[in-house]
Amino acid sequence: MTKLKIATAEQFLFMYRKLYIRRFLRILPFRVIKLFRSEGIEVPIMVGGAVLTRKYAEEIGADEYAKDAMEAVAKAKELLKKKNLVSHE
């Protein structure tokens, strides 16, 4: 006979919060991009992190995707160099 694991209320709330935050973090970039574009604010927008994927970044209209903070810094430096906003060291 299979034993069912019963979650405590505390475990349930932890998982609920985790899922809610994960969903919120996926929706927020889409809303920001939509707002910027509707207001005519044309700046490059980079999204990323564990919650997002490159495919999702493309779907929501992000200009760049970075899988983590280190990649985001490298891509930001590259973008600034292209725009001649920093020296080419």
Foldseek 3Di string as FASTA:
>chain_A
DDDDDDDDPVRVVVVVVVVVVLVCLLVVVLVVVVVCVVVVNDDAAEDEEDSDDPVSCVVSPHNYYDHDDVRVVVVVVVVCVVVVNDDDD
